[in-house]
N, C-alpha and C. Protein backbone atom coordinates (compact mmCIF):
# COMPACT_ATOMS: atom_id res chain seq x y z
N MET A 1 0.82 -1.19 0.00
CA MET A 1 0.00 0.00 0.00
C MET A 1 0.86 1.26 0.00
N ILE A 2 1.91 1.25 0.77
CA ILE A 2 2.80 2.40 0.84
C ILE A 2 3.49 2.61 -0.50
N ASP A 3 3.82 1.53 -1.21
CA ASP A 3 4.45 1.66 -2.52
C ASP A 3 3.52 2.37 -3.51
N ILE A 4 2.24 2.12 -3.45
CA ILE A 4 1.28 2.77 -4.34
C ILE A 4 1.22 4.27 -4.03
N LEU A 5 1.21 4.64 -2.76
CA LEU A 5 1.19 6.05 -2.39
C LEU A 5 2.47 6.75 -2.83
N LYS A 6 3.59 6.09 -2.66
CA LYS A 6 4.86 6.67 -3.09
C LYS A 6 4.87 6.84 -4.60
N TYR A 7 4.39 5.84 -5.31
CA TYR A 7 4.33 5.91 -6.77
C TYR A 7 3.45 7.09 -7.20
N ALA A 8 2.28 7.22 -6.59
CA ALA A 8 1.37 8.32 -6.93
C ALA A 8 2.01 9.67 -6.61
N HIS A 9 2.69 9.75 -5.48
CA HIS A 9 3.37 10.98 -5.09
C HIS A 9 4.46 11.34 -6.10
N ASP A 10 5.26 10.34 -6.48
CA ASP A 10 6.32 10.57 -7.45
C ASP A 10 5.77 11.01 -8.81
N LYS A 11 4.69 10.38 -9.24
CA LYS A 11 4.06 10.75 -10.52
C LYS A 11 3.52 12.17 -10.46
N GLY A 12 2.91 12.52 -9.36
CA GLY A 12 2.40 13.88 -9.18
C GLY A 12 3.51 14.91 -9.21
N ARG A 13 4.59 14.59 -8.54
CA ARG A 13 5.75 15.49 -8.52
C ARG A 13 6.32 15.65 -9.93
N GLU A 14 6.43 14.56 -10.65
CA GLU A 14 6.95 14.59 -12.03
C GLU A 14 6.04 15.45 -12.91
N ALA A 15 4.74 15.28 -12.79
CA ALA A 15 3.80 16.07 -13.59
C ALA A 15 3.92 17.55 -13.24
N GLY A 16 4.09 17.85 -11.97
CA GLY A 16 4.27 19.23 -11.54
C GLY A 16 5.52 19.86 -12.09
N ARG A 17 6.59 19.11 -12.08
CA ARG A 17 7.86 19.61 -12.63
C ARG A 17 7.73 19.89 -14.12
N GLU A 18 7.09 18.97 -14.83
CA GLU A 18 6.91 19.14 -16.28
C GLU A 18 6.06 20.38 -16.57
N ALA A 19 5.01 20.56 -15.81
CA ALA A 19 4.17 21.75 -15.99
C ALA A 19 4.96 23.02 -15.71
N GLY A 20 5.81 22.98 -14.71
CA GLY A 20 6.65 24.13 -14.38
C GLY A 20 7.65 24.43 -15.48
N ARG A 21 8.23 23.38 -16.05
CA ARG A 21 9.18 23.57 -17.15
C ARG A 21 8.49 24.21 -18.35
N GLU A 22 7.31 23.73 -18.68
CA GLU A 22 6.57 24.27 -19.83
C GLU A 22 6.18 25.73 -19.59
N ALA A 23 5.76 26.04 -18.38
CA ALA A 23 5.41 27.42 -18.06
C ALA A 23 6.64 28.32 -18.16
N GLY A 24 7.76 27.82 -17.70
CA GLY A 24 9.01 28.58 -17.79
C GLY A 24 9.44 28.83 -19.23
N LYS A 25 9.27 27.82 -20.07
CA LYS A 25 9.61 27.99 -21.48
C LYS A 25 8.72 29.04 -22.13
N ALA A 26 7.43 28.97 -21.84
CA ALA A 26 6.49 29.95 -22.41
C ALA A 26 6.83 31.36 -21.95
N GLU A 27 7.13 31.50 -20.68
CA GLU A 27 7.50 32.81 -20.15
C GLU A 27 8.79 33.32 -20.80
N GLY A 28 9.74 32.44 -20.98
CA GLY A 28 11.00 32.81 -21.62
C GLY A 28 10.79 33.26 -23.06
N ARG A 29 9.93 32.55 -23.79
CA ARG A 29 9.62 32.95 -25.16
C ARG A 29 8.97 34.33 -25.18
N ASN A 30 8.05 34.57 -24.25
CA ASN A 30 7.36 35.86 -24.18
C ASN A 30 8.35 36.98 -23.87
N ILE A 31 9.25 36.75 -22.93
CA ILE A 31 10.26 37.76 -22.59
C ILE A 31 11.13 38.05 -23.80
N GLY A 32 11.55 37.03 -24.51
CA GLY A 32 12.37 37.21 -25.70
C GLY A 32 11.64 37.98 -26.79
N LEU A 33 10.37 37.69 -26.97
CA LEU A 33 9.56 38.38 -27.96
C LEU A 33 9.44 39.86 -27.61
N MET A 34 9.22 40.16 -26.35
CA MET A 34 9.09 41.55 -25.90
C MET A 34 10.41 42.31 -26.09
N GLU A 35 11.51 41.68 -25.75
CA GLU A 35 12.81 42.32 -25.92
C GLU A 35 13.10 42.59 -27.39
N ALA A 36 12.76 41.65 -28.25
CA ALA A 36 12.98 41.83 -29.69
C ALA A 36 12.10 42.97 -30.22
N ALA A 37 10.86 43.04 -29.78
CA ALA A 37 9.96 44.10 -30.22
C ALA A 37 10.49 45.47 -29.79
N ARG A 38 10.95 45.57 -28.56
CA ARG A 38 11.52 46.83 -28.08
C ARG A 38 12.78 47.20 -28.86
N ASP A 39 13.64 46.21 -29.09
CA ASP A 39 14.87 46.46 -29.85
C ASP A 39 14.57 46.96 -31.26
N MET A 40 13.58 46.36 -31.91
CA MET A 40 13.22 46.79 -33.26
C MET A 40 12.66 48.21 -33.24
N LEU A 41 11.87 48.52 -32.23
CA LEU A 41 11.32 49.86 -32.10
C LEU A 41 12.43 50.88 -31.87
N PHE A 42 13.34 50.57 -30.96
CA PHE A 42 14.47 51.47 -30.72
C PHE A 42 15.31 51.64 -31.99
N ASP A 43 15.48 50.57 -32.74
CA ASP A 43 16.28 50.62 -33.96
C ASP A 43 15.65 51.55 -34.99
N ILE A 44 14.35 51.43 -35.20
CA ILE A 44 13.70 52.30 -36.18
C ILE A 44 13.71 53.75 -35.72
N LEU A 45 13.54 53.98 -34.41
CA LEU A 45 13.59 55.35 -33.90
C LEU A 45 14.98 55.95 -34.09
N TYR A 46 15.99 55.18 -33.78
CA TYR A 46 17.36 55.67 -33.93
C TYR A 46 17.68 55.93 -35.41
N SER A 47 17.25 55.01 -36.27
CA SER A 47 17.50 55.18 -37.71
C SER A 47 16.78 56.40 -38.27
N SER A 48 15.58 56.65 -37.78
CA SER A 48 14.77 57.75 -38.31
C SER A 48 15.12 59.10 -37.71
N PHE A 49 15.41 59.13 -36.40
CA PHE A 49 15.53 60.41 -35.71
C PHE A 49 16.88 60.64 -35.04
N GLY A 50 17.75 59.66 -35.07
CA GLY A 50 19.05 59.81 -34.41
C GLY A 50 18.95 59.47 -32.94
N ILE A 51 18.92 60.47 -32.13
CA ILE A 51 18.89 60.26 -30.67
C ILE A 51 17.47 59.91 -30.20
N ILE A 52 17.41 59.07 -29.19
CA ILE A 52 16.12 58.72 -28.57
C ILE A 52 16.12 59.33 -27.18
N PRO A 53 15.25 60.31 -26.93
CA PRO A 53 15.21 60.91 -25.60
C PRO A 53 14.93 59.86 -24.51
N GLU A 54 15.55 60.04 -23.37
CA GLU A 54 15.41 59.09 -22.26
C GLU A 54 13.95 58.91 -21.86
N LYS A 55 13.18 60.00 -21.89
CA LYS A 55 11.76 59.94 -21.52
C LYS A 55 11.01 58.94 -22.42
N ILE A 56 11.28 59.00 -23.71
CA ILE A 56 10.63 58.08 -24.65
C ILE A 56 11.12 56.66 -24.41
N ALA A 57 12.41 56.49 -24.23
CA ALA A 57 12.97 55.15 -23.97
C ALA A 57 12.35 54.53 -22.72
N ASP A 58 12.20 55.33 -21.67
CA ASP A 58 11.60 54.82 -20.43
C ASP A 58 10.15 54.41 -20.63
N MET A 59 9.41 55.22 -21.40
CA MET A 59 8.00 54.87 -21.66
C MET A 59 7.91 53.57 -22.45
N ILE A 60 8.77 53.41 -23.43
CA ILE A 60 8.76 52.18 -24.23
C ILE A 60 9.11 50.98 -23.35
N LYS A 61 10.09 51.14 -22.49
CA LYS A 61 10.49 50.05 -21.59
C LYS A 61 9.37 49.65 -20.63
N SER A 62 8.46 50.58 -20.34
CA SER A 62 7.37 50.29 -19.40
C SER A 62 6.23 49.50 -20.05
N ILE A 63 6.24 49.41 -21.37
CA ILE A 63 5.17 48.71 -22.09
C ILE A 63 5.46 47.22 -22.11
N SER A 64 4.48 46.45 -21.67
CA SER A 64 4.67 45.00 -21.58
C SER A 64 3.65 44.23 -22.41
N HIS A 65 3.17 44.83 -23.47
CA HIS A 65 2.20 44.20 -24.35
C HIS A 65 2.75 44.22 -25.77
N PHE A 66 2.93 43.04 -26.35
CA PHE A 66 3.56 42.91 -27.66
C PHE A 66 2.82 43.69 -28.73
N GLU A 67 1.51 43.57 -28.79
CA GLU A 67 0.73 44.24 -29.83
C GLU A 67 0.86 45.77 -29.73
N THR A 68 1.00 46.28 -28.53
CA THR A 68 1.20 47.72 -28.35
C THR A 68 2.54 48.14 -28.94
N LEU A 69 3.58 47.38 -28.65
CA LEU A 69 4.89 47.68 -29.21
C LEU A 69 4.89 47.57 -30.74
N LYS A 70 4.18 46.60 -31.23
CA LYS A 70 4.07 46.41 -32.68
C LYS A 70 3.39 47.62 -33.32
N GLY A 71 2.32 48.12 -32.69
CA GLY A 71 1.64 49.31 -33.18
C GLY A 71 2.53 50.54 -33.14
N LEU A 72 3.30 50.66 -32.07
CA LEU A 72 4.22 51.80 -31.97
C LEU A 72 5.32 51.72 -33.04
N HIS A 73 5.72 50.52 -33.38
CA HIS A 73 6.71 50.34 -34.44
C HIS A 73 6.15 50.91 -35.75
N ARG A 74 4.89 50.59 -36.05
CA ARG A 74 4.26 51.13 -37.25
C ARG A 74 4.20 52.66 -37.20
N GLN A 75 3.85 53.18 -36.01
CA GLN A 75 3.79 54.63 -35.85
C GLN A 75 5.15 55.28 -36.05
N ALA A 76 6.18 54.64 -35.56
CA ALA A 76 7.54 55.18 -35.68
C ALA A 76 7.95 55.31 -37.15
N ILE A 77 7.48 54.40 -37.97
CA ILE A 77 7.82 54.44 -39.39
C ILE A 77 7.16 55.64 -40.07
N THR A 78 5.97 56.00 -39.63
CA THR A 78 5.22 57.06 -40.32
C THR A 78 5.32 58.44 -39.67
N CYS A 79 5.86 58.53 -38.47
CA CYS A 79 5.95 59.82 -37.79
C CYS A 79 6.92 60.75 -38.50
N ARG A 80 6.57 62.03 -38.52
CA ARG A 80 7.42 63.04 -39.15
C ARG A 80 8.63 63.38 -38.31
N ASP A 81 8.44 63.38 -36.98
CA ASP A 81 9.55 63.75 -36.10
C ASP A 81 9.38 63.07 -34.75
N ILE A 82 10.41 63.18 -33.93
CA ILE A 82 10.42 62.51 -32.63
C ILE A 82 9.36 63.08 -31.69
N ASN A 83 9.04 64.37 -31.83
CA ASN A 83 8.02 64.97 -30.97
C ASN A 83 6.64 64.39 -31.25
N GLN A 84 6.34 64.15 -32.51
CA GLN A 84 5.07 63.51 -32.87
C GLN A 84 5.02 62.10 -32.29
N PHE A 85 6.12 61.38 -32.39
CA PHE A 85 6.16 60.03 -31.84
C PHE A 85 6.01 60.06 -30.31
N GLU A 86 6.63 61.03 -29.66
CA GLU A 86 6.52 61.14 -28.21
C GLU A 86 5.06 61.32 -27.80
N LYS A 87 4.32 62.15 -28.52
CA LYS A 87 2.90 62.35 -28.23
C LYS A 87 2.13 61.04 -28.37
N THR A 88 2.47 60.28 -29.39
CA THR A 88 1.81 58.99 -29.60
C THR A 88 2.09 58.04 -28.45
N VAL A 89 3.35 57.95 -28.03
CA VAL A 89 3.73 57.05 -26.93
C VAL A 89 3.04 57.49 -25.64
N MET A 90 3.02 58.78 -25.39
CA MET A 90 2.38 59.28 -24.17
C MET A 90 0.89 58.91 -24.15
N GLN A 91 0.24 59.03 -25.29
CA GLN A 91 -1.18 58.68 -25.39
C GLN A 91 -1.38 57.18 -25.11
N VAL A 92 -0.54 56.35 -25.68
CA VAL A 92 -0.65 54.90 -25.47
C VAL A 92 -0.44 54.55 -24.00
N VAL A 93 0.58 55.14 -23.38
CA VAL A 93 0.87 54.85 -21.98
C VAL A 93 -0.28 55.32 -21.09
N LYS A 94 -0.84 56.47 -21.37
CA LYS A 94 -1.98 56.98 -20.58
C LYS A 94 -3.18 56.05 -20.72
N GLN A 95 -3.43 55.56 -21.93
CA GLN A 95 -4.55 54.64 -22.14
C GLN A 95 -4.36 53.36 -21.35
N LYS A 96 -3.14 52.84 -21.35
CA LYS A 96 -2.85 51.61 -20.60
C LYS A 96 -3.01 51.85 -19.10
N GLN A 97 -2.56 53.00 -18.62
CA GLN A 97 -2.69 53.31 -17.20
C GLN A 97 -4.15 53.45 -16.81
N ALA A 98 -4.94 54.08 -17.67
CA ALA A 98 -6.37 54.24 -17.41
C ALA A 98 -7.09 52.90 -17.37
N ALA A 99 -6.66 51.98 -18.21
CA ALA A 99 -7.27 50.66 -18.26
C ALA A 99 -7.04 49.88 -16.98
N PHE A 100 -5.91 50.15 -16.31
CA PHE A 100 -5.58 49.43 -15.08
C PHE A 100 -6.00 50.18 -13.82
N ALA A 101 -6.53 51.37 -13.99
CA ALA A 101 -6.93 52.18 -12.81
C ALA A 101 -8.30 51.79 -12.31
């Protein structure tokens, strides 16, 4: 009887570890995707406008939603200047903050 309980315990532990590994992999992929999206956004901003003001960089770093970064990337391509892009980023950040308030 004790062997059955130990077996069940070991199987449960194994299943838990596997679930933890899969969750860790998914989280790692998400982190990598977010970093790549930010890097691409910074790259287009630097290519288009030269310097990236720290205020804008900090706002971009605070964004943790891939689709938002993707949209900002599109905006960066079409913006006339860094000030226009800053207004866009500020609007996006305010909307996100309002959604969580």
